[in-house]
PDB file of N, CA and C in Angstrom:
ATOM      1  N   MET A   1     -70.873   7.257  23.690  1.00  0.00           N
ATOM      2  CA  MET A   1     -69.508   7.060  24.131  1.00  0.00           C
ATOM      3  C   MET A   1     -69.198   5.565  24.036  1.00  0.00           C
ATOM      4  N   ASN A   2     -68.092   5.232  23.412  1.00  0.00           N
ATOM      5  CA  ASN A   2     -67.750   3.826  23.194  1.00  0.00           C
ATOM      6  C   ASN A   2     -66.654   3.355  24.161  1.00  0.00           C
ATOM      7  N   HIS A   3     -66.297   2.086  24.028  1.00  0.00           N
ATOM      8  CA  HIS A   3     -65.316   1.461  24.919  1.00  0.00           C
ATOM      9  C   HIS A   3     -63.984   2.229  24.965  1.00  0.00           C
ATOM     10  N   PRO A   4     -63.378   2.566  23.816  1.00  0.00           N
ATOM     11  CA  PRO A   4     -62.110   3.303  23.885  1.00  0.00           C
ATOM     12  C   PRO A   4     -62.240   4.665  24.576  1.00  0.00           C
ATOM     13  N   ASP A   5     -63.392   5.325  24.404  1.00  0.00           N
ATOM     14  CA  ASP A   5     -63.597   6.617  25.067  1.00  0.00           C
ATOM     15  C   ASP A   5     -63.643   6.455  26.580  1.00  0.00           C
ATOM     16  N   ILE A   6     -64.403   5.458  27.021  1.00  0.00           N
ATOM     17  CA  ILE A   6     -64.521   5.218  28.469  1.00  0.00           C
ATOM     18  C   ILE A   6     -63.176   4.786  29.036  1.00  0.00           C
ATOM     19  N   ARG A   7     -62.478   3.932  28.325  1.00  0.00           N
ATOM     20  CA  ARG A   7     -61.149   3.493  28.777  1.00  0.00           C
ATOM     21  C   ARG A   7     -60.204   4.691  28.926  1.00  0.00           C
ATOM     22  N   ALA A   8     -60.228   5.590  27.960  1.00  0.00           N
ATOM     23  CA  ALA A   8     -59.369   6.774  28.013  1.00  0.00           C
ATOM     24  C   ALA A   8     -59.717   7.655  29.211  1.00  0.00           C
ATOM     25  N   ILE A   9     -60.996   7.792  29.508  1.00  0.00           N
ATOM     26  CA  ILE A   9     -61.407   8.592  30.663  1.00  0.00           C
ATOM     27  C   ILE A   9     -60.973   7.915  31.961  1.00  0.00           C
ATOM     28  N   VAL A  10     -61.125   6.603  32.032  1.00  0.00           N
ATOM     29  CA  VAL A  10     -60.703   5.862  33.226  1.00  0.00           C
ATOM     30  C   VAL A  10     -59.200   6.039  33.443  1.00  0.00           C
ATOM     31  N   LEU A  11     -58.416   5.850  32.393  1.00  0.00           N
ATOM     32  CA  LEU A  11     -56.960   5.969  32.528  1.00  0.00           C
ATOM     33  C   LEU A  11     -56.542   7.406  32.816  1.00  0.00           C
ATOM     34  N   GLY A  12     -57.209   8.373  32.202  1.00  0.00           N
ATOM     35  CA  GLY A  12     -56.906   9.777  32.473  1.00  0.00           C
ATOM     36  C   GLY A  12     -57.210  10.147  33.911  1.00  0.00           C
ATOM     37  N   THR A  13     -58.331   9.649  34.414  1.00  0.00           N
ATOM     38  CA  THR A  13     -58.704   9.904  35.805  1.00  0.00           C
ATOM     39  C   THR A  13     -57.695   9.262  36.745  1.00  0.00           C
ATOM     40  N   LEU A  14     -57.279   8.058  36.409  1.00  0.00           N
ATOM     41  CA  LEU A  14     -56.281   7.364  37.220  1.00  0.00           C
ATOM     42  C   LEU A  14     -54.979   8.161  37.265  1.00  0.00           C
ATOM     43  N   GLN A  15     -54.595   8.727  36.153  1.00  0.00           N
ATOM     44  CA  GLN A  15     -53.348   9.496  36.117  1.00  0.00           C
ATOM     45  C   GLN A  15     -53.430  10.780  36.932  1.00  0.00           C
ATOM     46  N   THR A  16     -54.624  11.331  37.095  1.00  0.00           N
ATOM     47  CA  THR A  16     -54.734  12.511  37.959  1.00  0.00           C
ATOM     48  C   THR A  16     -54.535  12.142  39.419  1.00  0.00           C
ATOM     49  N   ILE A  17     -54.896  10.901  39.772  1.00  0.00           N
ATOM     50  CA  ILE A  17     -54.746  10.431  41.151  1.00  0.00           C
ATOM     51  C   ILE A  17     -53.329   9.905  41.398  1.00  0.00           C
ATOM     52  N   ALA A  18     -52.767   9.235  40.406  1.00  0.00           N
ATOM     53  CA  ALA A  18     -51.439   8.619  40.531  1.00  0.00           C
ATOM     54  C   ALA A  18     -50.624   8.926  39.265  1.00  0.00           C
ATOM     55  N   PRO A  19     -50.104  10.132  39.165  1.00  0.00           N
ATOM     56  CA  PRO A  19     -49.400  10.547  37.942  1.00  0.00           C
ATOM     57  C   PRO A  19     -48.141   9.736  37.624  1.00  0.00           C
ATOM     58  N   GLU A  20     -47.618   9.044  38.612  1.00  0.00           N
ATOM     59  CA  GLU A  20     -46.400   8.263  38.399  1.00  0.00           C
ATOM     60  C   GLU A  20     -46.665   6.924  37.712  1.00  0.00           C
ATOM     61  N   VAL A  21     -47.922   6.543  37.575  1.00  0.00           N
ATOM     62  CA  VAL A  21     -48.287   5.240  37.012  1.00  0.00           C
ATOM     63  C   VAL A  21     -48.077   5.225  35.498  1.00  0.00           C
ATOM     64  N   ASP A  22     -47.435   4.169  35.030  1.00  0.00           N
ATOM     65  CA  ASP A  22     -47.274   3.952  33.592  1.00  0.00           C
ATOM     66  C   ASP A  22     -48.516   3.208  33.110  1.00  0.00           C
ATOM     67  N   ILE A  23     -49.459   3.940  32.518  1.00  0.00           N
ATOM     68  CA  ILE A  23     -50.723   3.317  32.138  1.00  0.00           C
ATOM     69  C   ILE A  23     -50.563   2.291  31.020  1.00  0.00           C
ATOM     70  N   THR A  24     -49.478   2.368  30.279  1.00  0.00           N
ATOM     71  CA  THR A  24     -49.257   1.387  29.209  1.00  0.00           C
ATOM     72  C   THR A  24     -48.885   0.014  29.780  1.00  0.00           C
ATOM     73  N   ALA A  25     -48.466  -0.027  31.026  1.00  0.00           N
ATOM     74  CA  ALA A  25     -48.072  -1.288  31.657  1.00  0.00           C
ATOM     75  C   ALA A  25     -49.219  -1.956  32.417  1.00  0.00           C
ATOM     76  N   LEU A  26     -50.366  -1.288  32.500  1.00  0.00           N
ATOM     77  CA  LEU A  26     -51.489  -1.848  33.255  1.00  0.00           C
ATOM     78  C   LEU A  26     -52.097  -3.034  32.528  1.00  0.00           C
ATOM     79  N   ARG A  27     -52.459  -4.038  33.314  1.00  0.00           N
ATOM     80  CA  ARG A  27     -53.123  -5.229  32.782  1.00  0.00           C
ATOM     81  C   ARG A  27     -54.611  -5.132  33.101  1.00  0.00           C
ATOM     82  N   ASP A  28     -55.432  -5.452  32.144  1.00  0.00           N
ATOM     83  CA  ASP A  28     -56.883  -5.384  32.327  1.00  0.00           C
ATOM     84  C   ASP A  28     -57.407  -6.432  33.298  1.00  0.00           C
ATOM     85  N   ASP A  29     -56.674  -7.524  33.466  1.00  0.00           N
ATOM     86  CA  ASP A  29     -57.173  -8.665  34.242  1.00  0.00           C
ATOM     87  C   ASP A  29     -56.563  -8.794  35.632  1.00  0.00           C
ATOM     88  N   ARG A  30     -55.798  -7.831  36.055  1.00  0.00           N
ATOM     89  CA  ARG A  30     -55.174  -7.870  37.389  1.00  0.00           C
ATOM     90  C   ARG A  30     -55.810  -6.811  38.282  1.00  0.00           C
ATOM     91  N   PRO A  31     -55.831  -7.050  39.600  1.00  0.00           N
ATOM     92  CA  PRO A  31     -56.413  -6.049  40.502  1.00  0.00           C
ATOM     93  C   PRO A  31     -55.770  -4.676  40.302  1.00  0.00           C
ATOM     94  N   LEU A  32     -56.596  -3.713  39.981  1.00  0.00           N
ATOM     95  CA  LEU A  32     -56.108  -2.379  39.639  1.00  0.00           C
ATOM     96  C   LEU A  32     -55.436  -1.690  40.824  1.00  0.00           C
ATOM     97  N   ARG A  33     -56.044  -1.772  41.991  1.00  0.00           N
ATOM     98  CA  ARG A  33     -55.459  -1.097  43.156  1.00  0.00           C
ATOM     99  C   ARG A  33     -54.062  -1.617  43.466  1.00  0.00           C
ATOM    100  N   LYS A  34     -53.841  -2.901  43.280  1.00  0.00           N
ATOM    101  CA  LYS A  34     -52.507  -3.462  43.539  1.00  0.00           C
ATOM    102  C   LYS A  34     -51.513  -3.038  42.476  1.00  0.00           C
ATOM    103  N   GLN A  35     -51.965  -2.935  41.240  1.00  0.00           N
ATOM    104  CA  GLN A  35     -51.059  -2.541  40.155  1.00  0.00           C
ATOM    105  C   GLN A  35     -50.541  -1.120  40.337  1.00  0.00           C
ATOM    106  N   VAL A  36     -51.400  -0.260  40.860  1.00  0.00           N
ATOM    107  CA  VAL A  36     -51.004   1.144  40.981  1.00  0.00           C
ATOM    108  C   VAL A  36     -50.813   1.588  42.427  1.00  0.00           C
ATOM    109  N   ASP A  37     -50.954   0.641  43.370  1.00  0.00           N
ATOM    110  CA  ASP A  37     -50.716   0.893  44.787  1.00  0.00           C
ATOM    111  C   ASP A  37     -51.554   2.065  45.313  1.00  0.00           C
ATOM    112  N   LEU A  38     -52.866   1.972  45.099  1.00  0.00           N
ATOM    113  CA  LEU A  38     -53.771   3.003  45.591  1.00  0.00           C
ATOM    114  C   LEU A  38     -54.276   2.646  46.982  1.00  0.00           C
ATOM    115  N   ASP A  39     -54.209   3.602  47.892  1.00  0.00           N
ATOM    116  CA  ASP A  39     -54.796   3.377  49.209  1.00  0.00           C
ATOM    117  C   ASP A  39     -56.299   3.672  49.130  1.00  0.00           C
ATOM    118  N   SER A  40     -56.988   3.511  50.216  1.00  0.00           N
ATOM    119  CA  SER A  40     -58.449   3.680  50.241  1.00  0.00           C
ATOM    120  C   SER A  40     -58.880   5.074  49.797  1.00  0.00           C
ATOM    121  N   MET A  41     -58.170   6.077  50.255  1.00  0.00           N
ATOM    122  CA  MET A  41     -58.536   7.453  49.908  1.00  0.00           C
ATOM    123  C   MET A  41     -58.299   7.720  48.426  1.00  0.00           C
ATOM    124  N   ASP A  42     -57.181   7.238  47.893  1.00  0.00           N
ATOM    125  CA  ASP A  42     -56.911   7.401  46.462  1.00  0.00           C
ATOM    126  C   ASP A  42     -57.983   6.687  45.627  1.00  0.00           C
ATOM    127  N   TRP A  43     -58.368   5.492  46.060  1.00  0.00           N
ATOM    128  CA  TRP A  43     -59.395   4.731  45.343  1.00  0.00           C
ATOM    129  C   TRP A  43     -60.717   5.503  45.347  1.00  0.00           C
ATOM    130  N   LEU A  44     -61.080   6.051  46.488  1.00  0.00           N
ATOM    131  CA  LEU A  44     -62.306   6.838  46.577  1.00  0.00           C
ATOM    132  C   LEU A  44     -62.226   8.073  45.682  1.00  0.00           C
ATOM    133  N   ASN A  45     -61.083   8.734  45.663  1.00  0.00           N
ATOM    134  CA  ASN A  45     -60.890   9.897  44.782  1.00  0.00           C
ATOM    135  C   ASN A  45     -60.993   9.498  43.315  1.00  0.00           C
ATOM    136  N   PHE A  46     -60.473   8.331  42.979  1.00  0.00           N
ATOM    137  CA  PHE A  46     -60.556   7.810  41.618  1.00  0.00           C
ATOM    138  C   PHE A  46     -62.019   7.595  41.226  1.00  0.00           C
ATOM    139  N   LEU A  47     -62.779   6.917  42.078  1.00  0.00           N
ATOM    140  CA  LEU A  47     -64.186   6.653  41.779  1.00  0.00           C
ATOM    141  C   LEU A  47     -65.001   7.936  41.727  1.00  0.00           C
ATOM    142  N   THR A  48     -64.686   8.885  42.592  1.00  0.00           N
ATOM    143  CA  THR A  48     -65.367  10.178  42.572  1.00  0.00           C
ATOM    144  C   THR A  48     -65.059  10.917  41.274  1.00  0.00           C
ATOM    145  N   GLY A  49     -63.806  10.844  40.837  1.00  0.00           N
ATOM    146  CA  GLY A  49     -63.422  11.470  39.573  1.00  0.00           C
ATOM    147  C   GLY A  49     -64.163  10.865  38.400  1.00  0.00           C
ATOM    148  N   LEU A  50     -64.338   9.551  38.412  1.00  0.00           N
ATOM    149  CA  LEU A  50     -65.095   8.891  37.339  1.00  0.00           C
ATOM    150  C   LEU A  50     -66.544   9.348  37.362  1.00  0.00           C
ATOM    151  N   HIS A  51     -67.102   9.461  38.544  1.00  0.00           N
ATOM    152  CA  HIS A  51     -68.482   9.937  38.673  1.00  0.00           C
ATOM    153  C   HIS A  51     -68.621  11.338  38.082  1.00  0.00           C
ATOM    154  N   GLU A  52     -67.689  12.202  38.408  1.00  0.00           N
ATOM    155  CA  GLU A  52     -67.754  13.584  37.925  1.00  0.00           C
ATOM    156  C   GLU A  52     -67.602  13.672  36.410  1.00  0.00           C
ATOM    157  N   LYS A  53     -66.711  12.883  35.849  1.00  0.00           N
ATOM    158  CA  LYS A  53     -66.456  12.952  34.403  1.00  0.00           C
ATOM    159  C   LYS A  53     -67.522  12.249  33.574  1.00  0.00           C
ATOM    160  N   LEU A  54     -68.056  11.145  34.088  1.00  0.00           N
ATOM    161  CA  LEU A  54     -68.999  10.353  33.298  1.00  0.00           C
ATOM    162  C   LEU A  54     -70.446  10.480  33.776  1.00  0.00           C
ATOM    163  N   ARG A  55     -70.653  11.166  34.896  1.00  0.00           N
ATOM    164  CA  ARG A  55     -71.993  11.321  35.460  1.00  0.00           C
ATOM    165  C   ARG A  55     -72.660   9.965  35.711  1.00  0.00           C
ATOM    166  N   VAL A  56     -71.867   9.035  36.234  1.00  0.00           N
ATOM    167  CA  VAL A  56     -72.353   7.705  36.578  1.00  0.00           C
ATOM    168  C   VAL A  56     -72.267   7.560  38.090  1.00  0.00           C
ATOM    169  N   ASP A  57     -73.405   7.226  38.701  1.00  0.00           N
ATOM    170  CA  ASP A  57     -73.387   6.967  40.141  1.00  0.00           C
ATOM    171  C   ASP A  57     -72.758   5.609  40.396  1.00  0.00           C
ATOM    172  N   ILE A  58     -71.832   5.578  41.337  1.00  0.00           N
ATOM    173  CA  ILE A  58     -71.192   4.324  41.733  1.00  0.00           C
ATOM    174  C   ILE A  58     -71.455   4.158  43.226  1.00  0.00           C
ATOM    175  N   PRO A  59     -72.522   3.422  43.565  1.00  0.00           N
ATOM    176  CA  PRO A  59     -72.841   3.244  44.985  1.00  0.00           C
ATOM    177  C   PRO A  59     -71.750   2.455  45.708  1.00  0.00           C
ATOM    178  N   GLU A  60     -71.575   2.767  46.961  1.00  0.00           N
ATOM    179  CA  GLU A  60     -70.554   2.080  47.765  1.00  0.00           C
ATOM    180  C   GLU A  60     -70.750   0.569  47.749  1.00  0.00           C
ATOM    181  N   ALA A  61     -71.983   0.120  47.649  1.00  0.00           N
ATOM    182  CA  ALA A  61     -72.271  -1.314  47.613  1.00  0.00           C
ATOM    183  C   ALA A  61     -71.650  -1.994  46.391  1.00  0.00           C
ATOM    184  N   ASP A  62     -71.352  -1.225  45.347  1.00  0.00           N
ATOM    185  CA  ASP A  62     -70.770  -1.781  44.118  1.00  0.00           C
ATOM    186  C   ASP A  62     -69.241  -1.735  44.093  1.00  0.00           C
ATOM    187  N   TYR A  63     -68.624  -1.099  45.060  1.00  0.00           N
ATOM    188  CA  TYR A  63     -67.160  -0.961  45.044  1.00  0.00           C
ATOM    189  C   TYR A  63     -66.457  -2.309  44.928  1.00  0.00           C
ATOM    190  N   GLY A  64     -66.991  -3.328  45.572  1.00  0.00           N
ATOM    191  CA  GLY A  64     -66.384  -4.653  45.545  1.00  0.00           C
ATOM    192  C   GLY A  64     -66.386  -5.299  44.172  1.00  0.00           C
ATOM    193  N   ARG A  65     -67.233  -4.826  43.283  1.00  0.00           N
ATOM    194  CA  ARG A  65     -67.299  -5.355  41.919  1.00  0.00           C
ATOM    195  C   ARG A  65     -66.224  -4.749  41.024  1.00  0.00           C
ATOM    196  N   LEU A  66     -65.600  -3.685  41.481  1.00  0.00           N
ATOM    197  CA  LEU A  66     -64.639  -2.937  40.671  1.00  0.00           C
ATOM    198  C   LEU A  66     -63.215  -3.315  41.067  1.00  0.00           C
ATOM    199  N   VAL A  67     -62.779  -4.463  40.611  1.00  0.00           N
ATOM    200  CA  VAL A  67     -61.469  -4.977  41.009  1.00  0.00           C
ATOM    201  C   VAL A  67     -60.424  -4.713  39.932  1.00  0.00           C
ATOM    202  N   THR A  68     -60.701  -5.137  38.727  1.00  0.00           N
ATOM    203  CA  THR A  68     -59.737  -4.990  37.634  1.00  0.00           C
ATOM    204  C   THR A  68     -60.095  -3.786  36.777  1.00  0.00           C
ATOM    205  N   LEU A  69     -59.178  -3.402  35.924  1.00  0.00           N
ATOM    206  CA  LEU A  69     -59.447  -2.327  34.970  1.00  0.00           C
ATOM    207  C   LEU A  69     -60.629  -2.711  34.082  1.00  0.00           C
ATOM    208  N   ALA A  70     -60.666  -3.961  33.652  1.00  0.00           N
ATOM    209  CA  ALA A  70     -61.777  -4.444  32.826  1.00  0.00           C
ATOM    210  C   ALA A  70     -63.106  -4.343  33.582  1.00  0.00           C
ATOM    211  N   ASP A  71     -63.100  -4.652  34.885  1.00  0.00           N
ATOM    212  CA  ASP A  71     -64.314  -4.541  35.696  1.00  0.00           C
ATOM    213  C   ASP A  71     -64.817  -3.098  35.734  1.00  0.00           C
ATOM    214  N   VAL A  72     -63.914  -2.173  35.946  1.00  0.00           N
ATOM    215  CA  VAL A  72     -64.287  -0.761  36.041  1.00  0.00           C
ATOM    216  C   VAL A  72     -64.890  -0.290  34.717  1.00  0.00           C
ATOM    217  N   ILE A  73     -64.232  -0.610  33.621  1.00  0.00           N
ATOM    218  CA  ILE A  73     -64.710  -0.166  32.304  1.00  0.00           C
ATOM    219  C   ILE A  73     -66.062  -0.797  31.989  1.00  0.00           C
ATOM    220  N   ALA A  74     -66.210  -2.087  32.229  1.00  0.00           N
ATOM    221  CA  ALA A  74     -67.479  -2.771  31.957  1.00  0.00           C
ATOM    222  C   ALA A  74     -68.607  -2.192  32.814  1.00  0.00           C
ATOM    223  N   TYR A  75     -68.320  -1.911  34.067  1.00  0.00           N
ATOM    224  CA  TYR A  75     -69.321  -1.337  34.962  1.00  0.00           C
ATOM    225  C   TYR A  75     -69.786   0.014  34.430  1.00  0.00           C
ATOM    226  N   LEU A  76     -68.841   0.851  34.031  1.00  0.00           N
ATOM    227  CA  LEU A  76     -69.182   2.184  33.532  1.00  0.00           C
ATOM    228  C   LEU A  76     -69.949   2.107  32.217  1.00  0.00           C
ATOM    229  N   GLU A  77     -69.555   1.197  31.351  1.00  0.00           N
ATOM    230  CA  GLU A  77     -70.282   1.023  30.084  1.00  0.00           C
ATOM    231  C   GLU A  77     -71.721   0.612  30.347  1.00  0.00           C
ATOM    232  N   ALA A  78     -71.933  -0.341  31.232  1.00  0.00           N
ATOM    233  CA  ALA A  78     -73.283  -0.800  31.554  1.00  0.00           C
ATOM    234  C   ALA A  78     -74.100   0.312  32.209  1.00  0.00           C
ATOM    235  N   ALA A  79     -73.491   1.060  33.101  1.00  0.00           N
ATOM    236  CA  ALA A  79     -74.190   2.129  33.798  1.00  0.00           C
ATOM    237  C   ALA A  79     -74.604   3.241  32.839  1.00  0.00           C
ATOM    238  N   ARG A  80     -73.764   3.542  31.872  1.00  0.00           N
ATOM    239  CA  ARG A  80     -74.094   4.590  30.894  1.00  0.00           C
ATOM    240  C   ARG A  80     -75.217   4.137  29.968  1.00  0.00           C
ATOM    241  N   LYS A  81     -75.325   2.849  29.686  1.00  0.00           N
ATOM    242  CA  LYS A  81     -76.409   2.345  28.832  1.00  0.00           C
ATOM    243  C   LYS A  81     -77.761   2.462  29.529  1.00  0.00           C
ATOM    244  N   VAL A  82     -77.749   2.352  30.855  1.00  0.00           N
ATOM    245  CA  VAL A  82     -78.980   2.410  31.635  1.00  0.00           C
ATOM    246  C   VAL A  82     -79.499   3.845  31.706  1.00  0.00           C
ATOM    247  N   GLN A  83     -78.621   4.809  31.653  1.00  0.00           N
ATOM    248  CA  GLN A  83     -79.020   6.228  31.813  1.00  0.00           C
ATOM    249  C   GLN A  83     -79.938   6.682  30.729  1.00  0.00           C
TER     250      GLN A  83
END
């Protein structure tokens, strides 16, 4: 699975949590939760959805590393390489 595939899964998962979000307007370098106005529960649902789709464990201790869209994608890419 390559970068565009993972990005598509991340954006698709995000749209299931926040269908009103225009994913074409998202910036890779800005805090994702602020861009899409996700509360704590939505964020947890988003991360759980990524886990289910990509079979990547995302420990709670790593949540703080997942700030921007680029951070999330890079984290998932690295985690999939380790598997």
